[in-house]
Amino acid sequence: MQSNKDGYIEQYPHQIGISLFMSYLYQIFNTNDYMLIRIINVIANISMILALYQITKTLAQKYQVNPLIYFILITTFSPLILLSTFVYGDYIGLAFASWGIYFAIRYTQKGYKVYNIITAAIFLLLAYIIKMNYIIMTIATAIYLILDIIQTKERIAKKSILIIIMLIIVIIPNTILMKIYSQKLECNENKSISFPTYLYMGMSESYRANGWYGHAIEQSWTDPEQAAKEYPHLIKERLIQMLQSPFYTIGFYYQKTISGWTDPMYASIWYNLAPEVKDVKIPQIENQLKYQIVNNYQKGLVLLIFLASFIALTKNRKNLSLEVIFLTTIFIGGFLFHTLWEMKTRYVLPFVILLIPLATIGIEPIVNKVGEKVEFLKEEIKQKRKRKAEIKKLPN
């Protein structure tokens, strides 16, 4: 890892993990070409697709699931492809998290083998090191394992100890890593962007959209030490204002939710453009027919994922498996986190992707009904042709 000359790590200590990971990659491959990270992103995406396929197969033990539907949904999700060029840890972390989720499920379904939960913990640790909000997956995993204990009522002490061990494996190494490298890079904790900054950003209006980066928190970047003292008071004042104006508050969070969760392209075009040409290029691209085709397909695809997930939950509400509850918990965790935290469409994308195995359950009955309808129509056409042929044979 390079020194903290520009103060970036000092301001954003949560980026130590991904910076260290990339630093080691560059050393291993003896390069500093960012194309290496793009290639790793592609590999991570393929790995994540395979992990979610394994999760989908576990759901097939209890529900009707068509693997072809899963692969169509995830391989035609264009932002996954477009954002592979983005040099960051989103998809590397998501790949690790997906395998962590799979091995946690495998642990409960394959006889509670200790190596499965340890493997899950290692993958979740790697996801947490690379992107810290992936701790949501670890919390959801702990809830899943606790629910399993409640449901099975077997080996309670051993299972409980393993949950604690999993949490220790995920949380402690990353805490130590951050401490060591913060000291090594001589980072001043008082110059880091404070926790209240992101909370205040998440509840402030912005020229981008509600809850996005904006002028309200600029002080954190110019004087983070003073901001850390002032923002808790500003948060308190903002909370009072919101409680006094409930209709405003509802409208504020509605607009914030819409701005983050309903962009079908998840800003993937924006991240592929150089900063100096974004304002000029974006309108030009959006006016092109090929963009409109992809964008409209993505709108339908995202709507289908949400709708099919809802159908899966409501149709099977009296018979929900712990695995379905697990995936739903992850999504709810991501939704609540980014309702409170800073909003960006790119941030919520992983939680949409993790809904795809669940959506596959909801789509299968629809496909079956459509198939039955097609077969019925084919039979009707066949019978009509048969009757016409019989009529022609009759004497005039």
Protein backbone atom coordinates (compact mmCIF):
# COMPACT_ATOMS: atom_id res chain seq x y z
CA MET A 1 0.00 0.00 0.00
CA GLN A 2 1.23 3.48 -0.84
CA SER A 3 1.82 6.14 1.79
CA ASN A 4 -0.93 8.46 2.90
CA LYS A 5 0.53 11.49 1.10
CA ASP A 6 -2.75 12.77 -0.30
CA GLY A 7 -4.68 12.13 2.92
CA TYR A 8 -7.23 9.88 1.20
CA ILE A 9 -6.86 6.93 3.60
CA GLU A 10 -6.73 9.36 6.51
CA GLN A 11 -10.12 10.76 5.48
CA TYR A 12 -11.60 7.39 4.52
CA PRO A 13 -10.06 4.73 6.81
CA HIS A 14 -12.81 2.28 5.81
CA GLN A 15 -11.03 2.11 2.44
CA ILE A 16 -7.95 0.50 3.97
CA GLY A 17 -9.21 -3.00 3.16
CA ILE A 18 -9.84 -2.52 -0.55
CA SER A 19 -6.65 -0.41 -0.91
CA LEU A 20 -4.60 -3.17 0.71
CA PHE A 21 -6.29 -5.84 -1.42
CA MET A 22 -5.53 -3.97 -4.64
CA SER A 23 -2.01 -3.20 -3.48
CA TYR A 24 -1.27 -6.91 -3.02
CA LEU A 25 -2.82 -7.71 -6.41
CA TYR A 26 -0.55 -5.16 -8.09
CA GLN A 27 2.47 -6.64 -6.31
CA ILE A 28 1.56 -10.23 -7.23
CA PHE A 29 1.08 -9.39 -10.91
CA ASN A 30 3.91 -6.82 -10.94
CA THR A 31 1.79 -4.07 -12.48
CA ASN A 32 -0.11 -0.92 -11.56
CA ASP A 33 -2.39 -1.08 -14.60
CA TYR A 34 -6.04 -0.61 -13.56
CA MET A 35 -7.03 -3.15 -16.25
CA LEU A 36 -6.01 -5.82 -13.76
CA ILE A 37 -8.86 -4.78 -11.44
CA ARG A 38 -11.29 -4.80 -14.36
CA ILE A 39 -10.27 -8.36 -15.18
CA ILE A 40 -10.64 -9.31 -11.49
CA ASN A 41 -14.12 -7.70 -11.56
CA VAL A 42 -15.14 -9.93 -14.48
CA ILE A 43 -13.82 -13.02 -12.67
CA ALA A 44 -15.63 -11.91 -9.50
CA ASN A 45 -18.89 -11.49 -11.43
CA ILE A 46 -18.62 -14.99 -12.89
CA SER A 47 -17.84 -16.36 -9.44
CA MET A 48 -20.81 -14.50 -7.94
CA ILE A 49 -23.14 -15.85 -10.66
CA LEU A 50 -22.02 -19.39 -9.83
CA ALA A 51 -22.47 -18.80 -6.09
CA LEU A 52 -26.01 -17.49 -6.55
CA TYR A 53 -26.73 -20.46 -8.81
CA GLN A 54 -25.72 -22.77 -5.96
CA ILE A 55 -28.04 -20.80 -3.65
CA THR A 56 -30.83 -21.12 -6.23
CA LYS A 57 -30.29 -24.89 -6.29
CA THR A 58 -30.77 -25.03 -2.52
CA LEU A 59 -34.10 -23.21 -2.92
CA ALA A 60 -35.12 -25.82 -5.51
CA GLN A 61 -35.23 -28.41 -2.72
CA LYS A 62 -38.47 -26.85 -1.49
CA TYR A 63 -39.78 -24.66 -4.33
CA GLN A 64 -40.27 -24.88 -8.08
CA VAL A 65 -37.18 -23.28 -9.60
CA ASN A 66 -36.05 -23.24 -13.21
CA PRO A 67 -32.24 -22.73 -13.50
CA LEU A 68 -32.68 -21.34 -17.02
CA ILE A 69 -34.80 -18.48 -15.64
CA TYR A 70 -32.08 -17.68 -13.11
CA PHE A 71 -29.37 -17.52 -15.76
CA ILE A 72 -31.52 -15.36 -18.06
CA LEU A 73 -32.21 -12.89 -15.25
CA ILE A 74 -28.63 -12.53 -14.06
CA THR A 75 -26.71 -12.71 -17.37
CA THR A 76 -28.92 -10.11 -19.06
CA PHE A 77 -28.63 -7.70 -16.10
CA SER A 78 -26.55 -5.19 -18.07
CA PRO A 79 -25.20 -3.01 -15.19
CA LEU A 80 -23.31 -6.07 -13.97
CA ILE A 81 -21.42 -6.09 -17.25
CA LEU A 82 -21.05 -2.32 -17.59
CA LEU A 83 -19.84 -1.75 -14.02
CA SER A 84 -17.10 -4.37 -14.40
CA THR A 85 -14.99 -1.48 -15.68
CA PHE A 86 -15.37 0.41 -12.40
CA VAL A 87 -12.13 0.10 -10.41
CA TYR A 88 -13.52 -0.51 -6.94
CA GLY A 89 -14.47 -3.39 -4.64
CA ASP A 90 -18.23 -3.67 -5.15
CA TYR A 91 -18.28 -6.91 -7.13
CA ILE A 92 -15.17 -8.45 -5.66
CA GLY A 93 -16.79 -8.05 -2.24
CA LEU A 94 -20.17 -9.24 -3.53
CA ALA A 95 -18.59 -12.43 -4.91
CA PHE A 96 -17.04 -13.19 -1.51
CA ALA A 97 -20.31 -12.35 0.27
CA SER A 98 -22.32 -14.61 -2.08
CA TRP A 99 -20.08 -17.58 -1.34
CA GLY A 100 -20.30 -16.77 2.36
CA ILE A 101 -24.10 -16.89 2.15
CA TYR A 102 -23.97 -20.17 0.23
CA PHE A 103 -21.67 -21.90 2.74
CA ALA A 104 -23.84 -20.67 5.64
CA ILE A 105 -26.83 -22.34 3.95
CA ARG A 106 -24.72 -25.43 3.25
CA TYR A 107 -23.80 -25.56 6.95
CA THR A 108 -27.47 -25.88 8.00
CA GLN A 109 -28.41 -28.26 5.19
CA LYS A 110 -25.39 -30.59 5.27
CA GLY A 111 -25.30 -31.78 8.85
CA TYR A 112 -23.86 -28.68 10.56
CA LYS A 113 -20.27 -29.41 9.58
CA VAL A 114 -17.93 -26.96 11.29
CA TYR A 115 -15.79 -26.45 8.16
CA ASN A 116 -18.81 -25.03 6.30
CA ILE A 117 -19.46 -22.31 8.87
CA ILE A 118 -15.73 -21.49 9.09
CA THR A 119 -15.58 -21.26 5.28
CA ALA A 120 -18.65 -18.99 5.33
CA ALA A 121 -16.98 -16.79 7.96
CA ILE A 122 -13.76 -16.46 5.91
CA PHE A 123 -15.69 -15.41 2.80
CA LEU A 124 -17.78 -12.95 4.82
CA LEU A 125 -14.57 -11.57 6.36
CA LEU A 126 -13.07 -10.96 2.91
CA ALA A 127 -16.31 -9.24 1.80
CA TYR A 128 -16.26 -7.05 4.93
CA ILE A 129 -12.59 -6.11 4.47
CA ILE A 130 -13.20 -5.04 0.87
CA LYS A 131 -16.48 -3.19 1.44
CA MET A 132 -17.56 -2.50 5.00
CA ASN A 133 -21.32 -2.23 4.39
CA TYR A 134 -21.22 -5.94 3.49
CA ILE A 135 -21.33 -6.45 7.26
CA ILE A 136 -25.08 -6.48 6.54
CA MET A 137 -24.62 -9.96 5.06
CA THR A 138 -22.85 -11.11 8.23
CA ILE A 139 -25.64 -9.76 10.46
CA ALA A 140 -28.25 -11.47 8.25
CA THR A 141 -26.23 -14.72 8.43
CA ALA A 142 -26.21 -14.56 12.24
CA ILE A 143 -30.01 -14.01 12.23
CA TYR A 144 -30.42 -16.97 9.83
CA LEU A 145 -28.36 -19.24 12.09
CA ILE A 146 -30.25 -18.11 15.20
CA LEU A 147 -33.57 -18.85 13.47
CA ASP A 148 -32.21 -22.29 12.56
CA ILE A 149 -31.46 -22.95 16.25
CA ILE A 150 -34.99 -21.87 17.19
CA GLN A 151 -36.49 -24.09 14.50
CA THR A 152 -34.44 -27.25 15.11
CA LYS A 153 -33.95 -26.96 18.90
CA GLU A 154 -30.91 -29.23 18.57
CA ARG A 155 -27.29 -28.83 19.71
CA ILE A 156 -28.11 -25.33 20.88
CA ALA A 157 -24.87 -24.72 22.81
CA LYS A 158 -22.57 -25.91 19.99
CA LYS A 159 -24.45 -23.93 17.32
CA SER A 160 -24.49 -20.80 19.47
CA ILE A 161 -20.73 -21.01 20.04
CA LEU A 162 -20.19 -21.39 16.29
CA ILE A 163 -22.24 -18.24 15.62
CA ILE A 164 -20.02 -16.33 18.06
CA ILE A 165 -16.88 -17.78 16.44
CA MET A 166 -18.19 -16.73 13.01
CA LEU A 167 -18.75 -13.16 14.21
CA ILE A 168 -15.28 -13.06 15.78
CA ILE A 169 -13.68 -14.30 12.54
CA VAL A 170 -15.48 -11.63 10.51
CA ILE A 171 -15.15 -8.61 12.80
CA ILE A 172 -11.89 -8.90 14.80
CA PRO A 173 -9.33 -9.36 11.95
CA ASN A 174 -10.68 -6.36 10.04
CA THR A 175 -10.61 -4.22 13.19
CA ILE A 176 -7.00 -5.21 13.83
CA LEU A 177 -6.08 -4.66 10.17
CA MET A 178 -7.51 -1.13 10.18
CA LYS A 179 -5.73 -0.31 13.44
CA ILE A 180 -2.35 -1.58 12.23
CA TYR A 181 -2.44 0.19 8.87
CA SER A 182 -3.86 3.41 10.30
CA GLN A 183 -0.81 3.56 12.58
CA LYS A 184 1.56 2.44 9.83
CA LEU A 185 0.31 5.20 7.52
CA GLU A 186 0.35 7.70 10.41
CA CYS A 187 -3.32 8.55 9.96
CA ASN A 188 -4.80 11.12 12.30
CA GLU A 189 -8.20 9.83 13.48
CA ASN A 190 -9.45 13.38 13.94
CA LYS A 191 -9.08 13.98 10.19
CA SER A 192 -11.27 11.04 9.14
CA ILE A 193 -14.81 11.55 7.87
CA SER A 194 -16.93 10.83 10.92
CA PHE A 195 -19.86 8.43 11.27
CA PRO A 196 -22.35 11.31 11.88
CA THR A 197 -21.34 12.82 8.50
CA TYR A 198 -22.87 9.93 6.57
CA LEU A 199 -25.98 9.93 8.74
CA TYR A 200 -26.44 13.66 8.26
CA MET A 201 -25.85 13.26 4.51
CA GLY A 202 -28.52 10.56 4.43
CA MET A 203 -31.10 12.92 5.94
CA SER A 204 -30.18 16.11 4.06
CA GLU A 205 -31.46 17.58 0.82
CA SER A 206 -28.97 17.72 -2.03
CA TYR A 207 -28.72 19.16 -5.53
CA ARG A 208 -28.40 15.53 -6.72
CA ALA A 209 -31.30 13.99 -4.78
CA ASN A 210 -32.37 13.64 -1.17
CA GLY A 211 -29.81 11.78 0.90
CA TRP A 212 -27.05 12.03 -1.73
CA TYR A 213 -23.74 13.90 -1.40
CA GLY A 214 -24.37 17.64 -1.34
CA HIS A 215 -23.38 20.99 0.09
CA ALA A 216 -24.77 20.19 3.56
CA ILE A 217 -21.77 18.06 4.48
CA GLU A 218 -18.95 19.93 2.68
CA GLN A 219 -17.52 20.97 6.04
CA SER A 220 -16.58 17.34 6.72
CA TRP A 221 -14.10 17.46 3.85
CA THR A 222 -12.63 20.87 4.72
CA ASP A 223 -12.63 20.55 8.53
CA PRO A 224 -13.54 16.97 9.57
CA GLU A 225 -12.55 17.50 13.21
CA GLN A 226 -14.95 20.43 13.65
CA ALA A 227 -17.63 18.64 11.64
CA ALA A 228 -17.43 15.62 13.95
CA LYS A 229 -18.33 17.95 16.82
CA GLU A 230 -21.09 19.86 15.04
CA TYR A 231 -22.91 17.17 13.05
CA PRO A 232 -24.41 15.30 16.02
CA HIS A 233 -26.18 18.55 16.95
CA LEU A 234 -27.25 19.11 13.34
CA ILE A 235 -28.63 15.56 13.21
CA LYS A 236 -30.64 16.26 16.36
CA GLU A 237 -32.03 19.48 14.88
CA ARG A 238 -32.86 17.70 11.62
CA LEU A 239 -34.66 14.91 13.49
CA ILE A 240 -36.76 17.46 15.38
CA GLN A 241 -37.63 19.20 12.10
CA MET A 242 -38.66 15.89 10.51
CA LEU A 243 -40.75 14.81 13.49
CA GLN A 244 -42.56 18.16 13.42
CA SER A 245 -43.29 17.82 9.68
CA PRO A 246 -44.34 14.19 9.07
CA PHE A 247 -45.68 14.79 5.54
CA TYR A 248 -42.42 16.47 4.55
CA THR A 249 -40.47 13.55 6.06
CA ILE A 250 -42.52 10.96 4.18
CA GLY A 251 -41.99 12.89 0.95
CA PHE A 252 -38.28 13.27 1.65
CA TYR A 253 -37.65 9.54 2.15
CA TYR A 254 -39.98 8.60 -0.68
CA GLN A 255 -37.94 10.74 -3.06
CA LYS A 256 -34.68 9.38 -1.63
CA THR A 257 -35.86 5.78 -2.08
CA ILE A 258 -37.06 6.41 -5.64
CA SER A 259 -33.79 8.13 -6.59
CA GLY A 260 -31.70 5.21 -5.38
CA TRP A 261 -33.72 2.08 -6.10
CA THR A 262 -35.48 2.82 -9.39
CA ASP A 263 -32.61 3.71 -11.71
CA PRO A 264 -32.61 0.60 -13.93
CA MET A 265 -29.06 1.24 -15.16
CA TYR A 266 -27.67 1.96 -11.66
CA ALA A 267 -25.52 4.82 -13.05
CA SER A 268 -23.45 2.26 -14.98
CA ILE A 269 -23.19 4.57 -18.02
CA TRP A 270 -22.18 7.50 -15.83
CA TYR A 271 -19.30 5.53 -14.25
CA ASN A 272 -17.98 4.58 -17.70
CA LEU A 273 -17.46 8.20 -18.76
CA ALA A 274 -14.54 10.48 -18.00
CA PRO A 275 -15.50 13.22 -15.45
CA GLU A 276 -14.88 16.06 -17.89
CA VAL A 277 -17.35 14.73 -20.51
CA LYS A 278 -20.13 13.28 -18.32
CA ASP A 279 -22.46 16.29 -18.60
CA VAL A 280 -22.10 16.40 -22.37
CA LYS A 281 -22.10 12.68 -23.13
CA ILE A 282 -24.95 11.46 -20.89
CA PRO A 283 -27.76 13.31 -22.79
CA GLN A 284 -26.25 12.20 -26.12
CA ILE A 285 -26.14 8.55 -25.03
CA GLU A 286 -29.65 8.64 -23.56
CA ASN A 287 -31.03 9.86 -26.89
CA GLN A 288 -29.62 6.90 -28.78
CA LEU A 289 -31.99 4.09 -29.76
CA LYS A 290 -29.70 1.30 -28.51
CA TYR A 291 -29.54 2.94 -25.07
CA GLN A 292 -33.33 3.28 -24.94
CA ILE A 293 -33.75 -0.39 -25.85
CA VAL A 294 -31.34 -1.53 -23.12
CA ASN A 295 -32.80 0.92 -20.60
CA ASN A 296 -36.38 -0.21 -21.27
CA TYR A 297 -35.32 -3.86 -21.00
CA GLN A 298 -33.64 -3.07 -17.68
CA LYS A 299 -36.78 -1.32 -16.41
CA GLY A 300 -38.79 -4.44 -17.18
CA LEU A 301 -36.13 -6.71 -15.69
CA VAL A 302 -35.81 -4.80 -12.40
CA LEU A 303 -39.60 -4.53 -12.08
CA LEU A 304 -39.86 -8.27 -12.75
CA ILE A 305 -37.27 -9.06 -10.05
CA PHE A 306 -39.11 -6.98 -7.44
CA LEU A 307 -42.55 -8.24 -8.47
CA ALA A 308 -41.49 -11.89 -8.67
CA SER A 309 -39.77 -11.65 -5.26
CA PHE A 310 -42.98 -10.23 -3.80
CA ILE A 311 -45.01 -13.03 -5.42
CA ALA A 312 -42.60 -15.64 -4.03
CA LEU A 313 -43.02 -14.25 -0.51
CA THR A 314 -46.80 -13.80 -0.61
CA LYS A 315 -47.59 -17.06 -2.43
CA ASN A 316 -45.47 -19.05 0.03
CA ARG A 317 -46.08 -16.88 3.10
CA LYS A 318 -47.33 -19.83 5.16
CA ASN A 319 -44.44 -22.01 4.10
CA LEU A 320 -41.35 -19.80 3.94
CA SER A 321 -38.06 -21.62 4.26
CA LEU A 322 -35.29 -20.15 6.41
CA GLU A 323 -33.27 -19.67 3.22
CA VAL A 324 -35.97 -17.44 1.71
CA ILE A 325 -36.15 -15.51 4.99
CA PHE A 326 -32.33 -15.23 4.87
CA LEU A 327 -32.30 -13.61 1.42
CA THR A 328 -35.20 -11.35 2.39
CA THR A 329 -33.38 -10.27 5.56
CA ILE A 330 -30.33 -9.26 3.51
CA PHE A 331 -32.49 -7.12 1.22
CA ILE A 332 -34.33 -5.50 4.14
CA GLY A 333 -30.99 -4.82 5.83
CA GLY A 334 -29.63 -3.13 2.70
CA PHE A 335 -32.83 -1.14 2.26
CA LEU A 336 -32.87 0.13 5.86
CA PHE A 337 -29.14 0.88 5.85
CA HIS A 338 -29.31 3.06 2.76
CA THR A 339 -32.50 4.71 3.97
CA LEU A 340 -30.41 6.06 6.85
CA TRP A 341 -26.99 6.27 5.12
CA GLU A 342 -25.70 8.06 2.06
CA MET A 343 -27.59 7.07 -1.10
CA LYS A 344 -26.17 6.11 -4.49
CA THR A 345 -27.77 3.81 -7.01
CA ARG A 346 -24.53 1.82 -7.23
CA TYR A 347 -24.69 1.12 -3.50
CA VAL A 348 -28.07 -0.63 -3.65
CA LEU A 349 -27.32 -2.77 -6.72
CA PRO A 350 -25.84 -5.74 -4.77
CA PHE A 351 -29.04 -6.10 -2.77
CA VAL A 352 -31.11 -6.23 -5.96
CA ILE A 353 -28.78 -8.88 -7.41
CA LEU A 354 -29.18 -11.01 -4.28
CA LEU A 355 -32.96 -11.01 -4.85
CA ILE A 356 -32.61 -12.91 -8.14
CA PRO A 357 -32.66 -16.45 -6.60
CA LEU A 358 -35.81 -15.43 -4.72
CA ALA A 359 -37.33 -13.89 -7.87
CA THR A 360 -36.74 -17.18 -9.69
CA ILE A 361 -39.22 -18.83 -7.30
CA GLY A 362 -41.86 -16.22 -8.07
CA ILE A 363 -41.38 -16.39 -11.84
CA GLU A 364 -41.64 -20.18 -12.18
CA PRO A 365 -45.45 -20.35 -11.52
CA ILE A 366 -45.95 -17.51 -14.03
CA VAL A 367 -43.92 -19.39 -16.64
CA ASN A 368 -45.91 -22.56 -15.95
CA LYS A 369 -49.22 -20.71 -16.37
CA VAL A 370 -48.02 -19.10 -19.58
CA GLY A 371 -46.88 -22.52 -20.78
CA GLU A 372 -50.26 -24.04 -19.97
CA LYS A 373 -52.00 -21.18 -21.80
CA VAL A 374 -49.77 -21.66 -24.86
CA GLU A 375 -50.46 -25.39 -24.87
CA PHE A 376 -54.19 -24.69 -24.57
CA LEU A 377 -54.10 -22.23 -27.49
CA LYS A 378 -52.08 -24.69 -29.57
CA GLU A 379 -54.68 -27.39 -28.89
CA GLU A 380 -57.49 -24.97 -29.78
CA ILE A 381 -55.81 -24.11 -33.09
CA LYS A 382 -55.27 -27.81 -33.77
CA GLN A 383 -58.95 -28.59 -33.13
CA LYS A 384 -60.08 -25.69 -35.35
CA ARG A 385 -57.91 -26.91 -38.20
CA LYS A 386 -59.26 -30.42 -37.73
CA ARG A 387 -62.87 -29.16 -37.87
CA LYS A 388 -62.13 -27.11 -41.01
CA ALA A 389 -60.58 -30.16 -42.65
CA GLU A 390 -63.65 -32.24 -41.77
CA ILE A 391 -66.00 -29.57 -43.17
CA LYS A 392 -64.08 -29.53 -46.46
CA LYS A 393 -64.55 -33.29 -46.77
CA LEU A 394 -68.33 -32.97 -46.51
CA PRO A 395 -70.23 -33.23 -49.85
CA ASN A 396 -71.55 -29.93 -51.28
